[in-house]
Amino acid sequence: MAGQPFLFHVIGLKNTGKSGLMESLIQELNKLGIRTGVLKHDGSNHFHWDREGTDTYRIRAAGSPVTAILSDREFAIHAADGLDITLDEIVNTFFRGFEILLIEGLKKIRGKKVEVLREGVSTHPLASDEDLVATFGDRLFDRDVPHFDRESVPALAELISAVFSEHASKQDR
C-alpha cells in the first residue's frame, strides 16, 4: 500500500536494552534522512496513561467501556474489554507517510527483526531465522546474521537502511 512504512521490529526480553537501542536508532536513522516513526508495545499490560483524579479516569470509573482523550498532538484510548484493531489499521491510521516504523516488541508477529541480547537476561533466541536480520548487545547465541555490539548503533542503522532500500526497490517493481 502506498504510504505505508516498512515495519522493523526491535525485540528482546525485558531489561535487555530495547528502549535504549530504539532511542539511538531513531537518532541514527534521522541522520540518514529516513523518516522514522516508533510504536512501542507493552506486553505486560501495566501501561497506564490514565491516572486517578483525571477527568478520563473518573469517566472510565463511572462505567464507560471505552474512554479516549484527544488533542492536536496526542491521542490515547482505554478499552476495558480490549481493542478490536489490527496492527495494519494502526499503521495506516497513524504512520502514513513514514518510511520506516520501528516497533518495539510484538515479537510474535512476522517481520524483519533485530534481537537485543543481554547476558544474564536473555535465556534463548526469540526470533525465527527467517525474520532475524541482526543481533545486538551481548553475543550469546550462534545465529547466522550480523551481530552489533552496543557501540555499533550507526552500523546497525546502516544495515536497517539497506534492508529498507532493498524492500522499497522490490515494491517499485
C-alpha atoms as a PDB file:
ATOM      1  CA  MET A   1       0.000   0.000   0.000  1.00  0.00           C
ATOM      2  CA  ALA A   2       1.401   3.413  -0.939  1.00  0.00           C
ATOM      3  CA  GLY A   3       2.414   5.485   2.036  1.00  0.00           C
ATOM      4  CA  GLN A   4       2.671   2.525   4.404  1.00  0.00           C
ATOM      5  CA  PRO A   5       6.047   2.343   6.186  1.00  0.00           C
ATOM      6  CA  PHE A   6       8.423  -0.603   6.241  1.00  0.00           C
ATOM      7  CA  LEU A   7       7.948  -2.356   9.607  1.00  0.00           C
ATOM      8  CA  PHE A   8      11.084  -3.280  11.530  1.00  0.00           C
ATOM      9  CA  HIS A   9      10.870  -4.895  14.971  1.00  0.00           C
ATOM     10  CA  VAL A  10      13.294  -4.483  17.863  1.00  0.00           C
ATOM     11  CA  ILE A  11      12.692  -7.465  20.130  1.00  0.00           C
ATOM     12  CA  GLY A  12      14.166  -8.958  23.286  1.00  0.00           C
ATOM     13  CA  LEU A  13      13.264  -9.945  26.786  1.00  0.00           C
ATOM     14  CA  LYS A  14      12.531  -7.323  29.452  1.00  0.00           C
ATOM     15  CA  ASN A  15      15.627  -5.353  30.586  1.00  0.00           C
ATOM     16  CA  THR A  16      17.784  -6.218  27.590  1.00  0.00           C
ATOM     17  CA  GLY A  17      18.066  -2.604  26.403  1.00  0.00           C
ATOM     18  CA  LYS A  18      15.402  -2.390  23.698  1.00  0.00           C
ATOM     19  CA  SER A  19      14.248   1.141  24.552  1.00  0.00           C
ATOM     20  CA  GLY A  20      17.802   2.456  24.715  1.00  0.00           C
ATOM     21  CA  LEU A  21      18.505   0.938  21.310  1.00  0.00           C
ATOM     22  CA  MET A  22      15.284   2.473  19.956  1.00  0.00           C
ATOM     23  CA  GLU A  23      16.371   5.935  21.161  1.00  0.00           C
ATOM     24  CA  SER A  24      19.747   5.565  19.470  1.00  0.00           C
ATOM     25  CA  LEU A  25      18.339   4.061  16.274  1.00  0.00           C
ATOM     26  CA  ILE A  26      15.815   6.861  15.770  1.00  0.00           C
ATOM     27  CA  GLN A  27      18.645   9.400  16.030  1.00  0.00           C
ATOM     28  CA  GLU A  28      20.833   7.477  13.576  1.00  0.00           C
ATOM     29  CA  LEU A  29      18.028   6.859  11.066  1.00  0.00           C
ATOM     30  CA  ASN A  30      17.138  10.572  11.242  1.00  0.00           C
ATOM     31  CA  LYS A  31      20.780  11.387  10.427  1.00  0.00           C
ATOM     32  CA  LEU A  32      20.424   9.156   7.363  1.00  0.00           C
ATOM     33  CA  GLY A  33      17.399  11.200   6.295  1.00  0.00           C
ATOM     34  CA  ILE A  34      14.903   8.369   6.823  1.00  0.00           C
ATOM     35  CA  ARG A  35      11.516   9.483   8.149  1.00  0.00           C
ATOM     36  CA  THR A  36      11.019   7.037  11.020  1.00  0.00           C
ATOM     37  CA  GLY A  37       8.119   6.526  13.420  1.00  0.00           C
ATOM     38  CA  VAL A  38       8.042   4.399  16.563  1.00  0.00           C
ATOM     39  CA  LEU A  39       5.395   2.119  18.031  1.00  0.00           C
ATOM     40  CA  LYS A  40       6.092   0.654  21.463  1.00  0.00           C
ATOM     41  CA  HIS A  41       4.180  -2.436  22.508  1.00  0.00           C
ATOM     42  CA  ASP A  42       3.555  -3.099  26.200  1.00  0.00           C
ATOM     43  CA  GLY A  43       3.071  -6.823  26.587  1.00  0.00           C
ATOM     44  CA  SER A  44       2.802  -6.596  30.366  1.00  0.00           C
ATOM     45  CA  ASN A  45      -0.494  -4.674  30.378  1.00  0.00           C
ATOM     46  CA  HIS A  46       0.981  -2.401  33.037  1.00  0.00           C
ATOM     47  CA  PHE A  47       0.916   0.679  30.800  1.00  0.00           C
ATOM     48  CA  HIS A  48      -1.402   3.312  32.282  1.00  0.00           C
ATOM     49  CA  TRP A  49      -1.803   6.737  30.726  1.00  0.00           C
ATOM     50  CA  ASP A  50      -4.930   7.486  32.715  1.00  0.00           C
ATOM     51  CA  ARG A  51      -4.246   8.465  36.347  1.00  0.00           C
ATOM     52  CA  GLU A  52      -6.574   8.690  39.312  1.00  0.00           C
ATOM     53  CA  GLY A  53      -8.119  12.131  39.608  1.00  0.00           C
ATOM     54  CA  THR A  54      -8.172  12.951  35.882  1.00  0.00           C
ATOM     55  CA  ASP A  55     -11.455  13.515  34.066  1.00  0.00           C
ATOM     56  CA  THR A  56     -10.974  10.474  31.847  1.00  0.00           C
ATOM     57  CA  TYR A  57     -10.204   8.298  34.872  1.00  0.00           C
ATOM     58  CA  ARG A  58     -13.423   9.389  36.586  1.00  0.00           C
ATOM     59  CA  ILE A  59     -15.443   8.805  33.404  1.00  0.00           C
ATOM     60  CA  ARG A  60     -13.927   5.339  32.993  1.00  0.00           C
ATOM     61  CA  ALA A  61     -14.568   4.552  36.676  1.00  0.00           C
ATOM     62  CA  ALA A  62     -18.203   5.613  36.174  1.00  0.00           C
ATOM     63  CA  GLY A  63     -18.583   2.715  33.751  1.00  0.00           C
ATOM     64  CA  SER A  64     -17.583   3.840  30.269  1.00  0.00           C
ATOM     65  CA  PRO A  65     -16.267   0.714  28.487  1.00  0.00           C
ATOM     66  CA  VAL A  66     -14.195   2.832  26.067  1.00  0.00           C
ATOM     67  CA  THR A  67     -12.625   6.148  27.052  1.00  0.00           C
ATOM     68  CA  ALA A  68     -10.381   8.266  24.840  1.00  0.00           C
ATOM     69  CA  ILE A  69      -8.638  11.612  25.005  1.00  0.00           C
ATOM     70  CA  LEU A  70      -7.609  13.687  22.008  1.00  0.00           C
ATOM     71  CA  SER A  71      -5.607  16.858  21.464  1.00  0.00           C
ATOM     72  CA  ASP A  72      -3.946  18.405  18.417  1.00  0.00           C
ATOM     73  CA  ARG A  73      -0.845  16.274  19.064  1.00  0.00           C
ATOM     74  CA  GLU A  74      -1.875  13.272  21.140  1.00  0.00           C
ATOM     75  CA  PHE A  75      -4.483  10.537  21.258  1.00  0.00           C
ATOM     76  CA  ALA A  76      -4.960   7.784  23.832  1.00  0.00           C
ATOM     77  CA  ILE A  77      -7.705   5.248  24.331  1.00  0.00           C
ATOM     78  CA  HIS A  78      -8.660   2.770  27.025  1.00  0.00           C
ATOM     79  CA  ALA A  79     -10.944  -0.158  26.178  1.00  0.00           C
ATOM     80  CA  ALA A  80     -11.898  -2.247  29.182  1.00  0.00           C
ATOM     81  CA  ASP A  81     -12.577  -5.305  27.036  1.00  0.00           C
ATOM     82  CA  GLY A  82      -9.607  -4.811  24.697  1.00  0.00           C
ATOM     83  CA  LEU A  83      -9.269  -3.083  21.357  1.00  0.00           C
ATOM     84  CA  ASP A  84     -10.650  -4.571  18.168  1.00  0.00           C
ATOM     85  CA  ILE A  85      -7.992  -3.058  15.922  1.00  0.00           C
ATOM     86  CA  THR A  86      -5.231  -4.617  13.856  1.00  0.00           C
ATOM     87  CA  LEU A  87      -1.619  -3.564  13.519  1.00  0.00           C
ATOM     88  CA  ASP A  88      -2.311  -2.686   9.859  1.00  0.00           C
ATOM     89  CA  GLU A  89      -5.151  -0.370  10.923  1.00  0.00           C
ATOM     90  CA  ILE A  90      -2.899   1.366  13.464  1.00  0.00           C
ATOM     91  CA  VAL A  91      -0.095   1.736  10.918  1.00  0.00           C
ATOM     92  CA  ASN A  92      -2.412   3.029   8.178  1.00  0.00           C
ATOM     93  CA  THR A  93      -4.109   5.487  10.538  1.00  0.00           C
ATOM     94  CA  PHE A  94      -1.179   6.926  12.469  1.00  0.00           C
ATOM     95  CA  PHE A  95       2.002   6.229  10.485  1.00  0.00           C
ATOM     96  CA  ARG A  96       1.122   7.022   6.858  1.00  0.00           C
ATOM     97  CA  GLY A  97       3.964   8.835   5.146  1.00  0.00           C
ATOM     98  CA  PHE A  98       6.753   7.385   7.279  1.00  0.00           C
ATOM     99  CA  GLU A  99       9.427   5.365   5.521  1.00  0.00           C
ATOM    100  CA  ILE A 100      10.219   3.056   8.456  1.00  0.00           C
ATOM    101  CA  LEU A 101       8.188   2.181  11.529  1.00  0.00           C
ATOM    102  CA  LEU A 102      10.349   0.815  14.334  1.00  0.00           C
ATOM    103  CA  ILE A 103       8.236  -1.435  16.508  1.00  0.00           C
ATOM    104  CA  GLU A 104       9.493  -2.237  19.970  1.00  0.00           C
ATOM    105  CA  GLY A 105       8.097  -5.654  20.729  1.00  0.00           C
ATOM    106  CA  LEU A 106       5.315  -7.602  19.027  1.00  0.00           C
ATOM    107  CA  LYS A 107       7.879 -10.369  18.696  1.00  0.00           C
ATOM    108  CA  LYS A 108       5.326 -12.988  17.618  1.00  0.00           C
ATOM    109  CA  ILE A 109       4.284 -11.042  14.517  1.00  0.00           C
ATOM    110  CA  ARG A 110       6.188 -11.928  11.337  1.00  0.00           C
ATOM    111  CA  GLY A 111       8.579  -9.289  10.047  1.00  0.00           C
ATOM    112  CA  LYS A 112      12.185  -8.173   9.932  1.00  0.00           C
ATOM    113  CA  LYS A 113      13.755  -8.101  13.391  1.00  0.00           C
ATOM    114  CA  VAL A 114      16.828  -7.195  15.376  1.00  0.00           C
ATOM    115  CA  GLU A 115      17.074  -9.124  18.634  1.00  0.00           C
ATOM    116  CA  VAL A 116      18.569  -7.348  21.644  1.00  0.00           C
ATOM    117  CA  LEU A 117      20.557  -9.659  23.917  1.00  0.00           C
ATOM    118  CA  ARG A 118      21.913  -9.154  27.418  1.00  0.00           C
ATOM    119  CA  GLU A 119      23.972 -11.631  29.399  1.00  0.00           C
ATOM    120  CA  GLY A 120      22.107 -12.827  32.479  1.00  0.00           C
ATOM    121  CA  VAL A 121      18.735 -11.818  30.971  1.00  0.00           C
ATOM    122  CA  SER A 122      18.425 -13.407  27.520  1.00  0.00           C
ATOM    123  CA  THR A 123      17.859 -17.123  28.013  1.00  0.00           C
ATOM    124  CA  HIS A 124      17.064 -18.263  24.472  1.00  0.00           C
ATOM    125  CA  PRO A 125      16.695 -16.870  20.940  1.00  0.00           C
ATOM    126  CA  LEU A 126      13.296 -15.291  20.248  1.00  0.00           C
ATOM    127  CA  ALA A 127      13.288 -14.514  16.505  1.00  0.00           C
ATOM    128  CA  SER A 128      12.963 -17.120  13.793  1.00  0.00           C
ATOM    129  CA  ASP A 129      15.896 -17.475  11.417  1.00  0.00           C
ATOM    130  CA  GLU A 130      13.623 -16.246   8.610  1.00  0.00           C
ATOM    131  CA  ASP A 131      12.742 -12.961  10.386  1.00  0.00           C
ATOM    132  CA  LEU A 132      16.082 -12.216  12.068  1.00  0.00           C
ATOM    133  CA  VAL A 133      18.218  -9.571  10.360  1.00  0.00           C
ATOM    134  CA  ALA A 134      20.752  -8.948  13.166  1.00  0.00           C
ATOM    135  CA  THR A 135      21.503  -9.368  16.845  1.00  0.00           C
ATOM    136  CA  PHE A 136      22.563  -6.507  19.123  1.00  0.00           C
ATOM    137  CA  GLY A 137      24.204  -6.254  22.533  1.00  0.00           C
ATOM    138  CA  ASP A 138      25.969  -9.229  24.064  1.00  0.00           C
ATOM    139  CA  ARG A 139      26.907 -12.062  21.706  1.00  0.00           C
ATOM    140  CA  LEU A 140      25.111 -15.018  23.286  1.00  0.00           C
ATOM    141  CA  PHE A 141      23.764 -17.301  20.581  1.00  0.00           C
ATOM    142  CA  ASP A 142      25.276 -18.572  17.363  1.00  0.00           C
ATOM    143  CA  ARG A 143      22.987 -17.031  14.727  1.00  0.00           C
ATOM    144  CA  ASP A 144      23.796 -16.697  11.022  1.00  0.00           C
ATOM    145  CA  VAL A 145      23.253 -12.905  10.918  1.00  0.00           C
ATOM    146  CA  PRO A 146      25.441  -9.868  11.628  1.00  0.00           C
ATOM    147  CA  HIS A 147      25.976  -9.035  15.307  1.00  0.00           C
ATOM    148  CA  PHE A 148      26.387  -5.464  16.585  1.00  0.00           C
ATOM    149  CA  ASP A 149      27.772  -4.542  19.993  1.00  0.00           C
ATOM    150  CA  ARG A 150      26.354  -1.629  21.978  1.00  0.00           C
ATOM    151  CA  GLU A 151      28.843   0.807  20.409  1.00  0.00           C
ATOM    152  CA  SER A 152      27.795  -0.091  16.845  1.00  0.00           C
ATOM    153  CA  VAL A 153      24.387   1.580  16.558  1.00  0.00           C
ATOM    154  CA  PRO A 154      25.391   3.658  13.472  1.00  0.00           C
ATOM    155  CA  ALA A 155      26.381   0.461  11.639  1.00  0.00           C
ATOM    156  CA  LEU A 156      23.113  -1.219  12.651  1.00  0.00           C
ATOM    157  CA  ALA A 157      21.184   1.814  11.354  1.00  0.00           C
ATOM    158  CA  GLU A 158      23.047   1.461   8.045  1.00  0.00           C
ATOM    159  CA  LEU A 159      22.006  -2.198   7.857  1.00  0.00           C
ATOM    160  CA  ILE A 160      18.366  -1.313   8.574  1.00  0.00           C
ATOM    161  CA  SER A 161      18.587   1.375   5.877  1.00  0.00           C
ATOM    162  CA  ALA A 162      19.922  -1.214   3.398  1.00  0.00           C
ATOM    163  CA  VAL A 163      17.139  -3.710   4.265  1.00  0.00           C
ATOM    164  CA  PHE A 164      14.594  -0.899   3.854  1.00  0.00           C
ATOM    165  CA  SER A 165      16.080   0.121   0.481  1.00  0.00           C
ATOM    166  CA  GLU A 166      16.001  -3.482  -0.741  1.00  0.00           C
ATOM    167  CA  HIS A 167      12.361  -3.773   0.344  1.00  0.00           C
ATOM    168  CA  ALA A 168      11.469  -0.452  -1.323  1.00  0.00           C
ATOM    169  CA  SER A 169      13.103  -1.469  -4.613  1.00  0.00           C
ATOM    170  CA  LYS A 170      11.081  -4.726  -4.628  1.00  0.00           C
ATOM    171  CA  GLN A 171       7.888  -2.716  -4.026  1.00  0.00           C
ATOM    172  CA  ASP A 172       8.686  -0.477  -7.020  1.00  0.00           C
ATOM    173  CA  ARG A 173       8.887  -3.427  -9.417  1.00  0.00           C
END
